[in-house]
Amino acid sequence: MEKKIYIHAGCHRGGSSSFQLCLSHNRAVLSDAGFDVAYPGRDGVPGGKLKLRLPAPRHRPRHVNGFAEGAGAQLTTISPNPERP
């Protein structure tokens, strides 16, 4: 079974800190519903453990592939159970 990953991607100054704060406040409810939550926790949002830096647009595909592998490894440490999205 492949692990389901839901990604919220937004534009600069598009409310991502507010969304992360919502995830933080609802972490227990989301966990009880079967979801593991990962977010970077910038701007003082508590509980953020995700450490990903997106590759710059100038990077070639080989850098993007390396990013994907690193992102997968980071997400696996935060959410190791393959049956929990």
PDB file of N, CA and C in Angstrom:
ATOM      1  N   MET A   1       0.835  -1.180   0.000  1.00  0.00           N
ATOM      2  CA  MET A   1       0.000   0.000   0.000  1.00  0.00           C
ATOM      3  C   MET A   1       0.878   1.241   0.000  1.00  0.00           C
ATOM      4  N   GLU A   2       0.577   2.165  -0.878  1.00  0.00           N
ATOM      5  CA  GLU A   2       1.329   3.413  -0.922  1.00  0.00           C
ATOM      6  C   GLU A   2       0.746   4.399   0.087  1.00  0.00           C
ATOM      7  N   LYS A   3       1.618   5.133   0.730  1.00  0.00           N
ATOM      8  CA  LYS A   3       1.192   6.127   1.718  1.00  0.00           C
ATOM      9  C   LYS A   3       0.568   7.319   1.011  1.00  0.00           C
ATOM     10  N   LYS A   4      -0.564   7.774   1.506  1.00  0.00           N
ATOM     11  CA  LYS A   4      -1.200   8.972   0.963  1.00  0.00           C
ATOM     12  C   LYS A   4      -0.605  10.186   1.647  1.00  0.00           C
ATOM     13  N   ILE A   5      -0.238  11.172   0.849  1.00  0.00           N
ATOM     14  CA  ILE A   5       0.294  12.426   1.371  1.00  0.00           C
ATOM     15  C   ILE A   5      -0.525  13.561   0.765  1.00  0.00           C
ATOM     16  N   TYR A   6      -1.046  14.415   1.618  1.00  0.00           N
ATOM     17  CA  TYR A   6      -1.799  15.577   1.178  1.00  0.00           C
ATOM     18  C   TYR A   6      -0.920  16.798   1.399  1.00  0.00           C
ATOM     19  N   ILE A   7      -0.725  17.580   0.361  1.00  0.00           N
ATOM     20  CA  ILE A   7       0.134  18.753   0.438  1.00  0.00           C
ATOM     21  C   ILE A   7      -0.695  20.007   0.202  1.00  0.00           C
ATOM     22  N   HIS A   8      -0.514  20.972   1.084  1.00  0.00           N
ATOM     23  CA  HIS A   8      -1.130  22.280   0.877  1.00  0.00           C
ATOM     24  C   HIS A   8      -0.023  23.213   0.412  1.00  0.00           C
ATOM     25  N   ALA A   9      -0.146  23.708  -0.781  1.00  0.00           N
ATOM     26  CA  ALA A   9       0.845  24.636  -1.331  1.00  0.00           C
ATOM     27  C   ALA A   9       0.143  25.952  -1.628  1.00  0.00           C
ATOM     28  N   GLY A  10       0.739  27.025  -1.170  1.00  0.00           N
ATOM     29  CA  GLY A  10       0.116  28.322  -1.378  1.00  0.00           C
ATOM     30  C   GLY A  10       1.138  29.350  -1.813  1.00  0.00           C
ATOM     31  N   CYS A  11       0.637  30.482  -2.199  1.00  0.00           N
ATOM     32  CA  CYS A  11       1.498  31.566  -2.638  1.00  0.00           C
ATOM     33  C   CYS A  11       2.064  32.320  -1.430  1.00  0.00           C
ATOM     34  N   HIS A  12       3.074  33.123  -1.690  1.00  0.00           N
ATOM     35  CA  HIS A  12       3.672  33.948  -0.654  1.00  0.00           C
ATOM     36  C   HIS A  12       2.609  34.881  -0.073  1.00  0.00           C
ATOM     37  N   ARG A  13       2.559  34.952   1.249  1.00  0.00           N
ATOM     38  CA  ARG A  13       1.596  35.792   1.971  1.00  0.00           C
ATOM     39  C   ARG A  13       0.155  35.365   1.686  1.00  0.00           C
ATOM     40  N   GLY A  14      -0.052  34.066   1.557  1.00  0.00           N
ATOM     41  CA  GLY A  14      -1.375  33.548   1.242  1.00  0.00           C
ATOM     42  C   GLY A  14      -2.089  32.885   2.409  1.00  0.00           C
ATOM     43  N   GLY A  15      -1.641  33.114   3.636  1.00  0.00           N
ATOM     44  CA  GLY A  15      -2.325  32.565   4.804  1.00  0.00           C
ATOM     45  C   GLY A  15      -1.787  31.238   5.288  1.00  0.00           C
ATOM     46  N   SER A  16      -0.583  30.849   4.852  1.00  0.00           N
ATOM     47  CA  SER A  16      -0.054  29.538   5.257  1.00  0.00           C
ATOM     48  C   SER A  16       0.192  29.458   6.759  1.00  0.00           C
ATOM     49  N   SER A  17       0.616  30.545   7.388  1.00  0.00           N
ATOM     50  CA  SER A  17       0.830  30.520   8.842  1.00  0.00           C
ATOM     51  C   SER A  17      -0.490  30.295   9.575  1.00  0.00           C
ATOM     52  N   SER A  18      -1.545  30.907   9.113  1.00  0.00           N
ATOM     53  CA  SER A  18      -2.858  30.700   9.728  1.00  0.00           C
ATOM     54  C   SER A  18      -3.317  29.258   9.546  1.00  0.00           C
ATOM     55  N   PHE A  19      -3.063  28.701   8.379  1.00  0.00           N
ATOM     56  CA  PHE A  19      -3.430  27.305   8.127  1.00  0.00           C
ATOM     57  C   PHE A  19      -2.620  26.375   9.025  1.00  0.00           C
ATOM     58  N   GLN A  20      -1.320  26.650   9.183  1.00  0.00           N
ATOM     59  CA  GLN A  20      -0.481  25.830  10.056  1.00  0.00           C
ATOM     60  C   GLN A  20      -0.937  25.955  11.509  1.00  0.00           C
ATOM     61  N   LEU A  21      -1.360  27.125  11.916  1.00  0.00           N
ATOM     62  CA  LEU A  21      -1.876  27.311  13.269  1.00  0.00           C
ATOM     63  C   LEU A  21      -3.156  26.496  13.466  1.00  0.00           C
ATOM     64  N   CYS A  22      -3.990  26.442  12.453  1.00  0.00           N
ATOM     65  CA  CYS A  22      -5.202  25.626  12.498  1.00  0.00           C
ATOM     66  C   CYS A  22      -4.829  24.143  12.651  1.00  0.00           C
ATOM     67  N   LEU A  23      -3.831  23.687  11.892  1.00  0.00           N
ATOM     68  CA  LEU A  23      -3.374  22.300  12.024  1.00  0.00           C
ATOM     69  C   LEU A  23      -2.844  22.037  13.430  1.00  0.00           C
ATOM     70  N   SER A  24      -2.098  22.984  13.966  1.00  0.00           N
ATOM     71  CA  SER A  24      -1.547  22.841  15.303  1.00  0.00           C
ATOM     72  C   SER A  24      -2.651  22.713  16.351  1.00  0.00           C
ATOM     73  N   HIS A  25      -3.638  23.589  16.275  1.00  0.00           N
ATOM     74  CA  HIS A  25      -4.729  23.570  17.250  1.00  0.00           C
ATOM     75  C   HIS A  25      -5.586  22.309  17.136  1.00  0.00           C
ATOM     76  N   ASN A  26      -5.635  21.719  15.960  1.00  0.00           N
ATOM     77  CA  ASN A  26      -6.482  20.551  15.715  1.00  0.00           C
ATOM     78  C   ASN A  26      -5.696  19.253  15.564  1.00  0.00           C
ATOM     79  N   ARG A  27      -4.437  19.256  15.991  1.00  0.00           N
ATOM     80  CA  ARG A  27      -3.578  18.083  15.842  1.00  0.00           C
ATOM     81  C   ARG A  27      -4.204  16.834  16.473  1.00  0.00           C
ATOM     82  N   ALA A  28      -4.748  16.927  17.674  1.00  0.00           N
ATOM     83  CA  ALA A  28      -5.329  15.758  18.348  1.00  0.00           C
ATOM     84  C   ALA A  28      -6.542  15.231  17.589  1.00  0.00           C
ATOM     85  N   VAL A  29      -7.385  16.123  17.116  1.00  0.00           N
ATOM     86  CA  VAL A  29      -8.572  15.712  16.357  1.00  0.00           C
ATOM     87  C   VAL A  29      -8.156  15.023  15.059  1.00  0.00           C
ATOM     88  N   LEU A  30      -7.175  15.604  14.378  1.00  0.00           N
ATOM     89  CA  LEU A  30      -6.690  15.012  13.133  1.00  0.00           C
ATOM     90  C   LEU A  30      -6.042  13.658  13.390  1.00  0.00           C
ATOM     91  N   SER A  31      -5.296  13.537  14.468  1.00  0.00           N
ATOM     92  CA  SER A  31      -4.673  12.264  14.815  1.00  0.00           C
ATOM     93  C   SER A  31      -5.732  11.203  15.103  1.00  0.00           C
ATOM     94  N   ASP A  32      -6.760  11.583  15.864  1.00  0.00           N
ATOM     95  CA  ASP A  32      -7.850  10.648  16.152  1.00  0.00           C
ATOM     96  C   ASP A  32      -8.575  10.218  14.881  1.00  0.00           C
ATOM     97  N   ALA A  33      -8.577  11.079  13.862  1.00  0.00           N
ATOM     98  CA  ALA A  33      -9.210  10.759  12.581  1.00  0.00           C
ATOM     99  C   ALA A  33      -8.280   9.939  11.684  1.00  0.00           C
ATOM    100  N   GLY A  34      -7.040   9.682  12.161  1.00  0.00           N
ATOM    101  CA  GLY A  34      -6.123   8.833  11.404  1.00  0.00           C
ATOM    102  C   GLY A  34      -5.089   9.563  10.581  1.00  0.00           C
ATOM    103  N   PHE A  35      -4.907  10.860  10.815  1.00  0.00           N
ATOM    104  CA  PHE A  35      -3.949  11.643  10.035  1.00  0.00           C
ATOM    105  C   PHE A  35      -2.753  12.051  10.883  1.00  0.00           C
ATOM    106  N   ASP A  36      -1.565  11.984  10.298  1.00  0.00           N
ATOM    107  CA  ASP A  36      -0.369  12.557  10.892  1.00  0.00           C
ATOM    108  C   ASP A  36      -0.150  13.912  10.233  1.00  0.00           C
ATOM    109  N   VAL A  37       0.166  14.914  11.020  1.00  0.00           N
ATOM    110  CA  VAL A  37       0.285  16.280  10.519  1.00  0.00           C
ATOM    111  C   VAL A  37       1.744  16.720  10.523  1.00  0.00           C
ATOM    112  N   ALA A  38       2.174  17.324   9.419  1.00  0.00           N
ATOM    113  CA  ALA A  38       3.539  17.846   9.319  1.00  0.00           C
ATOM    114  C   ALA A  38       3.488  19.231   8.691  1.00  0.00           C
ATOM    115  N   TYR A  39       4.144  20.176   9.359  1.00  0.00           N
ATOM    116  CA  TYR A  39       4.249  21.536   8.840  1.00  0.00           C
ATOM    117  C   TYR A  39       5.505  22.150   9.424  1.00  0.00           C
ATOM    118  N   PRO A  40       6.025  23.206   8.799  1.00  0.00           N
ATOM    119  CA  PRO A  40       7.307  23.748   9.248  1.00  0.00           C
ATOM    120  C   PRO A  40       7.261  24.552  10.537  1.00  0.00           C
ATOM    121  N   GLY A  41       6.144  25.091  10.917  1.00  0.00           N
ATOM    122  CA  GLY A  41       6.067  25.839  12.159  1.00  0.00           C
ATOM    123  C   GLY A  41       6.782  27.178  12.129  1.00  0.00           C
ATOM    124  N   ARG A  42       6.781  27.830  11.000  1.00  0.00           N
ATOM    125  CA  ARG A  42       7.367  29.166  10.921  1.00  0.00           C
ATOM    126  C   ARG A  42       6.460  30.167  11.631  1.00  0.00           C
ATOM    127  N   ASP A  43       6.966  31.328  11.862  1.00  0.00           N
ATOM    128  CA  ASP A  43       6.203  32.412  12.494  1.00  0.00           C
ATOM    129  C   ASP A  43       5.684  32.025  13.876  1.00  0.00           C
ATOM    130  N   GLY A  44       6.398  31.126  14.566  1.00  0.00           N
ATOM    131  CA  GLY A  44       6.034  30.764  15.924  1.00  0.00           C
ATOM    132  C   GLY A  44       4.901  29.767  16.055  1.00  0.00           C
ATOM    133  N   VAL A  45       4.501  29.116  14.970  1.00  0.00           N
ATOM    134  CA  VAL A  45       3.442  28.112  15.058  1.00  0.00           C
ATOM    135  C   VAL A  45       4.006  26.896  15.797  1.00  0.00           C
ATOM    136  N   PRO A  46       3.371  26.502  16.923  1.00  0.00           N
ATOM    137  CA  PRO A  46       3.928  25.409  17.720  1.00  0.00           C
ATOM    138  C   PRO A  46       3.787  24.042  17.052  1.00  0.00           C
ATOM    139  N   GLY A  47       4.732  23.169  17.347  1.00  0.00           N
ATOM    140  CA  GLY A  47       4.659  21.786  16.893  1.00  0.00           C
ATOM    141  C   GLY A  47       5.172  21.525  15.496  1.00  0.00           C
ATOM    142  N   GLY A  48       5.682  22.530  14.827  1.00  0.00           N
ATOM    143  CA  GLY A  48       6.169  22.333  13.465  1.00  0.00           C
ATOM    144  C   GLY A  48       7.515  21.637  13.454  1.00  0.00           C
ATOM    145  N   LYS A  49       7.576  20.485  12.778  1.00  0.00           N
ATOM    146  CA  LYS A  49       8.819  19.708  12.711  1.00  0.00           C
ATOM    147  C   LYS A  49       9.329  19.540  11.283  1.00  0.00           C
ATOM    148  N   LEU A  50       8.536  19.904  10.304  1.00  0.00           N
ATOM    149  CA  LEU A  50       8.902  19.677   8.910  1.00  0.00           C
ATOM    150  C   LEU A  50       9.989  20.654   8.486  1.00  0.00           C
ATOM    151  N   LYS A  51      11.085  20.114   7.977  1.00  0.00           N
ATOM    152  CA  LYS A  51      12.209  20.954   7.538  1.00  0.00           C
ATOM    153  C   LYS A  51      12.497  20.663   6.071  1.00  0.00           C
ATOM    154  N   LEU A  52      11.848  21.408   5.210  1.00  0.00           N
ATOM    155  CA  LEU A  52      12.048  21.258   3.768  1.00  0.00           C
ATOM    156  C   LEU A  52      12.305  22.623   3.159  1.00  0.00           C
ATOM    157  N   ARG A  53      13.258  22.667   2.273  1.00  0.00           N
ATOM    158  CA  ARG A  53      13.506  23.890   1.517  1.00  0.00           C
ATOM    159  C   ARG A  53      13.287  23.530   0.059  1.00  0.00           C
ATOM    160  N   LEU A  54      12.324  24.187  -0.558  1.00  0.00           N
ATOM    161  CA  LEU A  54      12.020  23.887  -1.961  1.00  0.00           C
ATOM    162  C   LEU A  54      13.196  24.262  -2.850  1.00  0.00           C
ATOM    163  N   PRO A  55      13.439  23.458  -3.892  1.00  0.00           N
ATOM    164  CA  PRO A  55      14.514  23.818  -4.821  1.00  0.00           C
ATOM    165  C   PRO A  55      14.143  25.076  -5.595  1.00  0.00           C
ATOM    166  N   ALA A  56      15.130  25.897  -5.863  1.00  0.00           N
ATOM    167  CA  ALA A  56      14.900  27.119  -6.631  1.00  0.00           C
ATOM    168  C   ALA A  56      14.546  26.769  -8.076  1.00  0.00           C
ATOM    169  N   PRO A  57      13.796  27.627  -8.757  1.00  0.00           N
ATOM    170  CA  PRO A  57      13.391  27.343 -10.140  1.00  0.00           C
ATOM    171  C   PRO A  57      14.571  27.095 -11.082  1.00  0.00           C
ATOM    172  N   ARG A  58      15.741  27.616 -10.755  1.00  0.00           N
ATOM    173  CA  ARG A  58      16.887  27.454 -11.644  1.00  0.00           C
ATOM    174  C   ARG A  58      17.498  26.051 -11.571  1.00  0.00           C
ATOM    175  N   HIS A  59      17.099  25.256 -10.583  1.00  0.00           N
ATOM    176  CA  HIS A  59      17.686  23.928 -10.426  1.00  0.00           C
ATOM    177  C   HIS A  59      17.238  22.978 -11.527  1.00  0.00           C
ATOM    178  N   ARG A  60      18.103  22.097 -11.864  1.00  0.00           N
ATOM    179  CA  ARG A  60      17.839  21.094 -12.893  1.00  0.00           C
ATOM    180  C   ARG A  60      17.040  19.928 -12.287  1.00  0.00           C
ATOM    181  N   PRO A  61      16.458  19.067 -13.122  1.00  0.00           N
ATOM    182  CA  PRO A  61      15.661  17.939 -12.624  1.00  0.00           C
ATOM    183  C   PRO A  61      16.391  17.058 -11.609  1.00  0.00           C
ATOM    184  N   ARG A  62      17.704  16.908 -11.746  1.00  0.00           N
ATOM    185  CA  ARG A  62      18.415  16.040 -10.795  1.00  0.00           C
ATOM    186  C   ARG A  62      18.350  16.607  -9.383  1.00  0.00           C
ATOM    187  N   HIS A  63      18.307  17.941  -9.238  1.00  0.00           N
ATOM    188  CA  HIS A  63      18.153  18.545  -7.919  1.00  0.00           C
ATOM    189  C   HIS A  63      16.733  18.339  -7.385  1.00  0.00           C
ATOM    190  N   VAL A  64      15.767  18.401  -8.276  1.00  0.00           N
ATOM    191  CA  VAL A  64      14.382  18.202  -7.868  1.00  0.00           C
ATOM    192  C   VAL A  64      14.187  16.762  -7.410  1.00  0.00           C
ATOM    193  N   ASN A  65      14.779  15.804  -8.112  1.00  0.00           N
ATOM    194  CA  ASN A  65      14.677  14.406  -7.699  1.00  0.00           C
ATOM    195  C   ASN A  65      15.304  14.221  -6.325  1.00  0.00           C
ATOM    196  N   GLY A  66      16.432  14.843  -6.081  1.00  0.00           N
ATOM    197  CA  GLY A  66      17.068  14.771  -4.771  1.00  0.00           C
ATOM    198  C   GLY A  66      16.180  15.374  -3.698  1.00  0.00           C
ATOM    199  N   PHE A  67      15.498  16.461  -4.041  1.00  0.00           N
ATOM    200  CA  PHE A  67      14.568  17.078  -3.101  1.00  0.00           C
ATOM    201  C   PHE A  67      13.445  16.100  -2.753  1.00  0.00           C
ATOM    202  N   ALA A  68      12.891  15.443  -3.756  1.00  0.00           N
ATOM    203  CA  ALA A  68      11.789  14.506  -3.524  1.00  0.00           C
ATOM    204  C   ALA A  68      12.218  13.371  -2.601  1.00  0.00           C
ATOM    205  N   GLU A  69      13.423  12.867  -2.796  1.00  0.00           N
ATOM    206  CA  GLU A  69      13.927  11.797  -1.933  1.00  0.00           C
ATOM    207  C   GLU A  69      14.088  12.302  -0.492  1.00  0.00           C
ATOM    208  N   GLY A  70      14.640  13.489  -0.337  1.00  0.00           N
ATOM    209  CA  GLY A  70      14.807  14.070   0.992  1.00  0.00           C
ATOM    210  C   GLY A  70      13.470  14.350   1.667  1.00  0.00           C
ATOM    211  N   ALA A  71      12.507  14.824   0.886  1.00  0.00           N
ATOM    212  CA  ALA A  71      11.178  15.091   1.434  1.00  0.00           C
ATOM    213  C   ALA A  71      10.531  13.796   1.908  1.00  0.00           C
ATOM    214  N   GLY A  72      10.673  12.752   1.121  1.00  0.00           N
ATOM    215  CA  GLY A  72      10.128  11.446   1.514  1.00  0.00           C
ATOM    216  C   GLY A  72      10.742  10.947   2.804  1.00  0.00           C
ATOM    217  N   ALA A  73      12.044  11.105   2.938  1.00  0.00           N
ATOM    218  CA  ALA A  73      12.728  10.669   4.158  1.00  0.00           C
ATOM    219  C   ALA A  73      12.261  11.485   5.362  1.00  0.00           C
ATOM    220  N   GLN A  74      12.125  12.791   5.193  1.00  0.00           N
ATOM    221  CA  GLN A  74      11.679  13.664   6.278  1.00  0.00           C
ATOM    222  C   GLN A  74      10.254  13.316   6.703  1.00  0.00           C
ATOM    223  N   LEU A  75       9.371  13.096   5.736  1.00  0.00           N
ATOM    224  CA  LEU A  75       7.986  12.762   6.053  1.00  0.00           C
ATOM    225  C   LEU A  75       7.873  11.396   6.710  1.00  0.00           C
ATOM    226  N   THR A  76       8.741  10.466   6.333  1.00  0.00           N
ATOM    227  CA  THR A  76       8.719   9.137   6.940  1.00  0.00           C
ATOM    228  C   THR A  76       9.108   9.194   8.414  1.00  0.00           C
ATOM    229  N   THR A  77      10.019  10.093   8.769  1.00  0.00           N
ATOM    230  CA  THR A  77      10.387  10.210  10.181  1.00  0.00           C
ATOM    231  C   THR A  77       9.240  10.797  11.000  1.00  0.00           C
ATOM    232  N   ILE A  78       8.452  11.671  10.402  1.00  0.00           N
ATOM    233  CA  ILE A  78       7.337  12.298  11.101  1.00  0.00           C
ATOM    234  C   ILE A  78       6.107  11.372  11.129  1.00  0.00           C
ATOM    235  N   SER A  79       5.919  10.626  10.059  1.00  0.00           N
ATOM    236  CA  SER A  79       4.752   9.756   9.929  1.00  0.00           C
ATOM    237  C   SER A  79       5.193   8.385   9.404  1.00  0.00           C
ATOM    238  N   PRO A  80       5.728   7.528  10.285  1.00  0.00           N
ATOM    239  CA  PRO A  80       6.290   6.246   9.825  1.00  0.00           C
ATOM    240  C   PRO A  80       5.278   5.175   9.443  1.00  0.00           C
ATOM    241  N   ASN A  81       4.056   5.268   9.920  1.00  0.00           N
ATOM    242  CA  ASN A  81       3.049   4.236   9.628  1.00  0.00           C
ATOM    243  C   ASN A  81       2.508   4.450   8.213  1.00  0.00           C
ATOM    244  N   PRO A  82       2.746   3.501   7.291  1.00  0.00           N
ATOM    245  CA  PRO A  82       2.309   3.687   5.899  1.00  0.00           C
ATOM    246  C   PRO A  82       0.795   3.711   5.714  1.00  0.00           C
ATOM    247  N   GLU A  83       0.044   3.307   6.710  1.00  0.00           N
ATOM    248  CA  GLU A  83      -1.409   3.282   6.590  1.00  0.00           C
ATOM    249  C   GLU A  83      -2.074   4.561   7.082  1.00  0.00           C
ATOM    250  N   ARG A  84      -1.283   5.464   7.672  1.00  0.00           N
ATOM    251  CA  ARG A  84      -1.837   6.752   8.121  1.00  0.00           C
ATOM    252  C   ARG A  84      -1.434   7.846   7.148  1.00  0.00           C
ATOM    253  N   PRO A  85      -2.421   8.527   6.549  1.00  0.00           N
ATOM    254  CA  PRO A  85      -2.065   9.635   5.647  1.00  0.00           C
ATOM    255  C   PRO A  85      -1.545  10.827   6.407  1.00  0.00           C
TER     256      PRO A  85
END
